[in-house]
Protein backbone atom coordinates (compact mmCIF):
# COMPACT_ATOMS: atom_id res chain seq x y z
CA TYR A 1 0.27 30.32 11.84
CA GLY A 2 3.94 31.47 11.89
CA GLU A 3 5.78 28.24 11.09
CA ASP A 4 3.44 27.39 8.22
CA SER A 5 4.01 30.73 6.52
CA LEU A 6 7.78 30.55 7.07
CA PHE A 7 8.43 26.93 6.17
CA GLY A 8 5.36 25.78 4.24
CA ALA A 9 7.05 25.92 0.84
CA GLN A 10 9.78 23.57 2.05
CA LEU A 11 7.49 21.18 3.84
CA LEU A 12 4.61 20.96 1.39
CA ASP A 13 4.62 19.79 -2.23
CA SER A 14 4.16 23.14 -3.88
CA ILE A 15 3.93 23.36 -7.65
CA ASP A 16 4.90 27.03 -7.55
CA GLU A 17 8.62 26.31 -7.20
CA ALA A 18 10.75 27.63 -10.05
CA GLU A 19 12.95 24.55 -9.82
CA PRO A 20 12.21 21.35 -7.95
CA SER A 21 14.11 21.04 -4.71
CA ASP A 22 15.63 17.73 -3.73
CA TYR A 23 17.11 18.86 -0.45
CA ILE A 24 15.65 17.87 2.92
CA PRO A 25 13.46 20.64 4.32
CA SER A 26 15.42 21.32 7.48
CA ALA A 27 14.86 25.08 7.78
CA PRO A 28 12.53 24.73 10.77
CA LEU A 29 15.25 22.82 12.63
CA ASP A 30 18.07 25.11 11.49
CA ASP A 31 16.32 28.33 12.54
CA PRO A 32 18.00 29.57 15.75
CA ALA A 33 14.77 31.36 16.72
CA MET A 34 12.83 28.10 16.64
CA MET A 35 12.54 26.71 20.11
CA LEU A 36 12.02 22.97 20.33
CA GLY A 37 10.75 21.60 23.58
CA SER A 38 12.26 18.54 25.21
CA GLY A 39 9.27 16.48 24.02
CA ASP A 40 9.92 17.50 20.40
CA ILE A 41 13.61 16.70 20.69
CA GLN A 42 12.77 13.34 22.25
CA LYS A 43 10.37 12.54 19.37
CA LEU A 44 12.95 13.51 16.75
CA ASN A 45 15.61 11.37 18.44
CA GLY A 46 13.14 8.48 18.54
CA PHE A 47 12.48 8.85 14.81
CA LEU A 48 16.23 8.89 14.15
CA LEU A 49 16.84 5.75 16.21
CA THR A 50 14.01 3.92 14.45
CA ALA A 51 15.29 4.97 11.02
CA LYS A 52 18.81 3.78 11.84
CA LYS A 53 17.47 0.49 13.20
CA ILE A 54 15.42 -0.41 10.11
CA ALA A 55 17.81 0.99 7.47
CA GLY A 56 18.51 -1.73 4.92
CA SER A 57 16.66 -4.41 6.87
CA ASP A 58 13.49 -6.30 6.00
CA ASP A 59 11.73 -4.02 8.47
CA ASP A 60 12.05 -1.24 5.89
CA THR A 61 8.92 -2.40 4.13
CA LYS A 62 8.88 0.48 1.66
CA LEU A 63 12.37 -0.43 0.47
CA THR A 64 11.50 -4.14 0.42
CA GLN A 65 8.46 -3.54 -1.77
CA ALA A 66 10.38 -1.19 -4.05
CA THR A 67 13.14 -3.79 -4.41
CA GLU A 68 10.58 -6.44 -5.35
CA ALA A 69 9.01 -4.11 -7.92
CA VAL A 70 12.39 -3.24 -9.47
CA GLU A 71 13.36 -6.91 -9.48
CA GLY A 72 10.21 -7.73 -11.44
CA LEU A 73 10.94 -4.96 -13.95
CA LEU A 74 14.52 -6.20 -14.39
CA LYS A 75 13.32 -9.79 -14.92
CA ASP A 76 11.02 -8.49 -17.67
CA GLY A 77 13.98 -6.78 -19.37
CA TYR A 78 13.26 -3.19 -18.35
CA HIS A 79 15.74 -0.53 -17.29
CA PRO A 80 13.80 1.35 -14.60
CA ILE A 81 14.03 4.80 -13.09
CA VAL A 82 13.17 5.11 -9.41
CA TYR A 83 12.20 8.67 -8.51
CA CYS A 84 12.82 9.91 -4.98
CA ARG A 85 11.96 13.27 -3.46
CA TYR A 86 15.22 13.93 -1.63
CA VAL A 87 18.96 13.50 -2.22
CA ALA A 88 19.50 11.41 0.91
CA THR A 89 16.65 9.08 -0.06
CA ALA A 90 17.99 8.62 -3.60
CA LYS A 91 21.46 7.77 -2.31
CA TYR A 92 20.05 5.32 0.24
CA VAL A 93 17.78 3.60 -2.30
CA ALA A 94 20.56 3.27 -4.91
CA GLU A 95 22.94 1.82 -2.33
CA GLN A 96 20.35 -0.64 -1.05
CA LEU A 97 19.18 -1.70 -4.53
CA ASN A 98 22.78 -2.45 -5.51
CA ALA A 99 23.26 -4.57 -2.39
CA LYS A 100 19.91 -6.38 -2.49
CA LEU A 101 19.73 -7.04 -6.24
CA LYS A 102 23.34 -8.24 -6.69
CA ARG A 103 22.31 -11.72 -5.50
CA LYS A 104 19.97 -12.26 -8.45
CA PHE A 105 21.57 -9.85 -10.91
CA PRO A 106 25.36 -9.81 -10.50
CA ASP A 107 25.65 -7.34 -13.39
CA ILE A 108 23.25 -4.80 -11.83
CA SER A 109 24.26 -1.15 -11.64
CA ALA A 110 22.03 1.16 -9.64
CA PHE A 111 23.13 4.78 -9.72
CA ALA A 112 21.81 7.83 -7.89
CA VAL A 113 21.67 11.11 -9.80
CA THR A 114 20.66 14.09 -7.69
CA GLY A 115 20.97 17.85 -7.53
CA GLU A 116 24.42 17.33 -5.99
CA GLU A 117 25.72 16.03 -9.34
CA GLY A 118 26.31 19.52 -10.74
CA ASP A 119 24.50 21.10 -13.64
CA SER A 120 22.23 19.53 -16.25
CA GLU A 121 25.13 18.74 -18.60
CA GLN A 122 27.06 16.88 -15.90
CA ARG A 123 23.98 14.86 -14.94
CA SER A 124 23.29 14.11 -18.61
CA GLU A 125 26.86 12.86 -19.09
CA LYS A 126 26.59 10.57 -16.06
CA ILE A 127 23.35 9.11 -17.44
CA LYS A 128 24.88 8.56 -20.89
CA ASN A 129 27.75 6.67 -19.23
CA MET A 130 25.18 4.43 -17.55
CA SER A 131 23.74 3.44 -20.92
CA ASN A 132 26.61 0.96 -21.40
CA GLU A 133 25.54 -1.04 -18.34
CA PRO A 134 23.64 -4.20 -19.34
CA ARG A 135 21.32 -4.07 -16.34
CA ARG A 136 20.80 -0.58 -14.98
CA VAL A 137 18.59 1.25 -12.53
CA LEU A 138 18.60 5.02 -12.30
CA VAL A 139 17.60 6.38 -8.90
CA ALA A 140 16.92 10.07 -9.38
CA SER A 141 15.64 13.01 -7.46
CA GLU A 142 13.48 15.72 -8.98
CA CYS A 143 16.54 17.33 -10.57
CA LEU A 144 15.82 15.06 -13.57
CA SER A 145 12.17 15.98 -13.89
CA GLU A 146 12.89 18.26 -16.84
CA GLY A 147 15.53 18.89 -19.47
CA ILE A 148 17.17 15.48 -19.93
CA ASN A 149 15.74 12.85 -22.27
CA LEU A 150 15.79 9.57 -20.43
CA GLN A 151 13.65 7.44 -22.74
CA ASP A 152 16.65 6.31 -24.82
CA TRP A 153 18.15 4.41 -21.88
CA PHE A 154 15.27 3.79 -19.44
CA ASP A 155 11.81 2.42 -20.07
CA ALA A 156 9.98 2.01 -16.75
CA VAL A 157 9.25 4.33 -13.82
CA LEU A 158 8.68 3.73 -10.12
CA HIS A 159 7.87 6.62 -7.77
CA TYR A 160 9.43 5.83 -4.40
CA ASP A 161 8.16 9.01 -2.73
CA LEU A 162 4.71 9.83 -3.98
CA PRO A 163 4.03 13.52 -3.38
CA TRP A 164 1.06 14.87 -1.49
CA ASN A 165 0.22 17.06 -4.47
CA PRO A 166 -0.63 14.88 -7.51
CA ASN A 167 0.25 17.77 -9.85
CA ARG A 168 3.91 17.09 -9.07
CA LEU A 169 3.64 13.72 -10.82
């Protein structure tokens, strides 16, 4: 009832948004009127501990599989884009891809471009600068879903965070 009407747009993959949002939907947690019980807080802390424990390890199976997919694309000569839903995810994936792929591809450059990068012109400039990299992976949030032509420098796509609503694809 109440929480769904207040926070549904942030939590669900709506296609009614004027601009895609790549920020973590934290409004329900930030709302001072929202009362979390001790059980909810305990669950959230458990999720946080688990996330910290598996970050960057082989236990992060989603990252491991994405790394394998990107590695295959790079071996075949592609310059892939990895789309992520949120800024924090894009930064994490770019950092991890750089670390994990450097062993096989010392010249790899994985960059995150998110809504934090400024306006469309600033993001476009950062992407153009990447075009000089011999082996490049763009990790992007939804801020690049419209307005910037990427096909000149990138030729494969991997969706890291598939949305619940297929219309978003």
